[in-house]
Protein backbone atom coordinates (compact mmCIF):
# COMPACT_ATOMS: atom_id res chain seq x y z
CA UNK A 1 0.09 0.20 -0.07
CA UNK A 2 1.02 3.63 -0.63
CA UNK A 3 0.63 6.11 2.10
CA UNK A 4 -0.43 9.55 0.84
CA UNK A 5 -0.62 12.56 3.10
CA UNK A 6 -2.31 15.87 2.26
CA UNK A 7 -1.78 19.44 3.58
CA UNK A 8 -4.99 18.85 5.66
CA UNK A 9 -3.54 16.11 7.69
CA UNK A 10 -5.69 13.76 5.73
CA UNK A 11 -4.25 10.26 5.36
CA UNK A 12 -5.34 8.07 2.46
CA UNK A 13 -3.86 4.52 1.67
CA UNK A 14 -4.10 3.10 -1.76
CA UNK A 15 -2.98 -0.18 -3.29
CA UNK A 16 0.23 0.16 -5.35
CA UNK A 17 -0.78 -2.42 -8.10
CA UNK A 18 -3.04 -0.45 -10.48
CA UNK A 19 -4.37 -3.70 -11.73
CA UNK A 20 -6.14 -4.48 -8.77
CA UNK A 21 -9.38 -2.97 -7.14
CA UNK A 22 -8.41 0.30 -5.33
CA UNK A 23 -10.00 0.07 -1.68
CA UNK A 24 -9.22 3.60 -0.46
CA UNK A 25 -8.80 4.00 3.48
CA UNK A 26 -8.85 7.19 5.36
CA UNK A 27 -8.15 8.06 8.83
CA UNK A 28 -9.62 11.48 9.37
CA UNK A 29 -12.20 10.35 11.84
CA UNK A 30 -9.71 9.03 14.27
CA UNK A 31 -10.23 5.37 13.17
CA UNK A 32 -10.11 3.57 9.85
CA UNK A 33 -12.78 4.71 7.11
CA UNK A 34 -13.27 2.58 4.07
CA UNK A 35 -14.39 4.42 0.94
CA UNK A 36 -16.71 2.22 -0.83
CA UNK A 37 -17.85 4.86 -3.40
CA UNK A 38 -16.62 8.40 -3.23
CA UNK A 39 -19.11 9.32 -5.81
CA UNK A 40 -21.99 7.05 -4.47
CA UNK A 41 -25.54 7.97 -4.68
CA UNK A 42 -28.62 7.14 -2.69
CA UNK A 43 -29.37 4.05 -5.14
CA UNK A 44 -26.06 2.75 -4.40
CA UNK A 45 -26.24 3.14 -0.85
CA UNK A 46 -29.42 1.21 -0.60
CA UNK A 47 -28.02 -1.41 -3.07
CA UNK A 48 -24.83 -1.91 -0.64
CA UNK A 49 -27.02 -1.93 2.33
CA UNK A 50 -29.11 -4.88 0.66
CA UNK A 51 -26.02 -6.72 -0.17
CA UNK A 52 -24.73 -6.42 3.34
CA UNK A 53 -28.24 -7.63 4.73
CA UNK A 54 -28.81 -10.38 2.20
CA UNK A 55 -25.42 -11.84 1.56
CA UNK A 56 -23.82 -11.23 5.02
CA UNK A 57 -26.75 -11.73 7.17
CA UNK A 58 -26.31 -8.32 8.77
CA UNK A 59 -29.29 -6.52 10.46
CA UNK A 60 -29.14 -2.76 10.85
CA UNK A 61 -29.75 -1.87 14.54
CA UNK A 62 -29.74 2.04 14.21
CA UNK A 63 -30.80 4.03 11.14
CA UNK A 64 -30.35 7.69 11.11
CA UNK A 65 -31.34 9.50 8.01
CA UNK A 66 -30.78 13.34 7.73
CA UNK A 67 -31.09 15.85 4.77
CA UNK A 68 -27.46 15.18 3.46
CA UNK A 69 -26.17 12.31 5.66
CA UNK A 70 -27.28 8.61 6.35
CA UNK A 71 -25.89 6.64 9.12
CA UNK A 72 -27.05 2.91 9.62
CA UNK A 73 -25.33 0.87 12.47
CA UNK A 74 -24.69 -2.83 12.48
CA UNK A 75 -22.66 -5.65 14.15
CA UNK A 76 -20.15 -7.69 12.01
CA UNK A 77 -18.21 -10.46 13.48
CA UNK A 78 -18.86 -8.65 16.90
CA UNK A 79 -17.66 -5.26 15.91
CA UNK A 80 -19.85 -2.09 15.69
CA UNK A 81 -19.84 -0.61 12.27
CA UNK A 82 -21.44 2.25 10.48
CA UNK A 83 -22.49 2.35 6.84
CA UNK A 84 -22.42 6.00 5.98
CA UNK A 85 -23.64 8.11 3.00
CA UNK A 86 -23.08 11.70 2.49
CA UNK A 87 -24.12 13.62 -0.58
CA UNK A 88 -20.76 15.38 -0.67
CA UNK A 89 -18.52 12.40 0.32
CA UNK A 90 -20.27 9.41 -0.90
CA UNK A 91 -20.45 5.87 0.58
CA UNK A 92 -17.98 4.51 3.46
CA UNK A 93 -17.77 2.12 6.32
CA UNK A 94 -16.28 2.95 9.57
CA UNK A 95 -16.00 1.67 13.31
CA UNK A 96 -19.18 3.08 14.98
CA UNK A 97 -17.03 4.29 17.98
CA UNK A 98 -14.73 6.22 15.57
CA UNK A 99 -11.98 8.01 17.87
CA UNK A 100 -12.56 5.15 20.56
CA UNK A 101 -12.11 2.36 17.93
CA UNK A 102 -9.54 -0.39 18.69
CA UNK A 103 -7.24 -1.90 16.25
CA UNK A 104 -9.29 -5.00 15.80
CA UNK A 105 -12.46 -2.56 14.90
CA UNK A 106 -10.53 -1.00 12.35
CA UNK A 107 -9.29 -4.25 10.76
CA UNK A 108 -12.76 -5.74 10.79
CA UNK A 109 -13.47 -2.60 8.63
CA UNK A 110 -11.05 -3.34 6.19
CA UNK A 111 -11.68 -6.99 6.10
CA UNK A 112 -15.40 -6.22 5.38
CA UNK A 113 -14.91 -3.57 2.80
CA UNK A 114 -12.51 -5.71 0.92
CA UNK A 115 -14.98 -8.57 0.56
CA UNK A 116 -17.81 -6.13 -0.17
CA UNK A 117 -15.89 -4.42 -2.80
CA UNK A 118 -15.08 -7.76 -4.43
CA UNK A 119 -18.69 -8.71 -4.35
CA UNK A 120 -19.66 -5.37 -5.87
CA UNK A 121 -16.99 -5.86 -8.41
CA UNK A 122 -18.26 -9.25 -9.49
CA UNK A 123 -21.85 -7.91 -9.74
CA UNK A 124 -20.58 -5.02 -12.14
CA UNK A 125 -18.58 -7.41 -14.29
CA UNK A 126 -21.67 -9.46 -14.65
CA UNK A 127 -23.81 -6.48 -15.78
CA UNK A 128 -21.28 -5.63 -18.29
CA UNK A 129 -21.14 -9.10 -19.87
């Protein structure tokens, strides 16, 4: 992975191999945030929520819907996570505890985001063919 730092203190991790899918990770919230779609819309958010529910048997425990932001909380392998949508920043996953997240929570986010991204990539390839 390649580390990229910006003048705003934003840390972004990107894979070095451009032939693989590129899961982007940010740490600006004080935890690991996995960017699923930086330009994703509401339709894609609901599709991702459906994939999490159907394929990963995730049940959303708390749903907060605001004007420009949606946060849906759930548990994955014992870790509290949030599926997040914002009209300006897209769709992401992060530990619900954000700044108080432990390393295991951050690793679980990366694990789930990687598997989810692979699943979404396969769906996209099927739709193209």
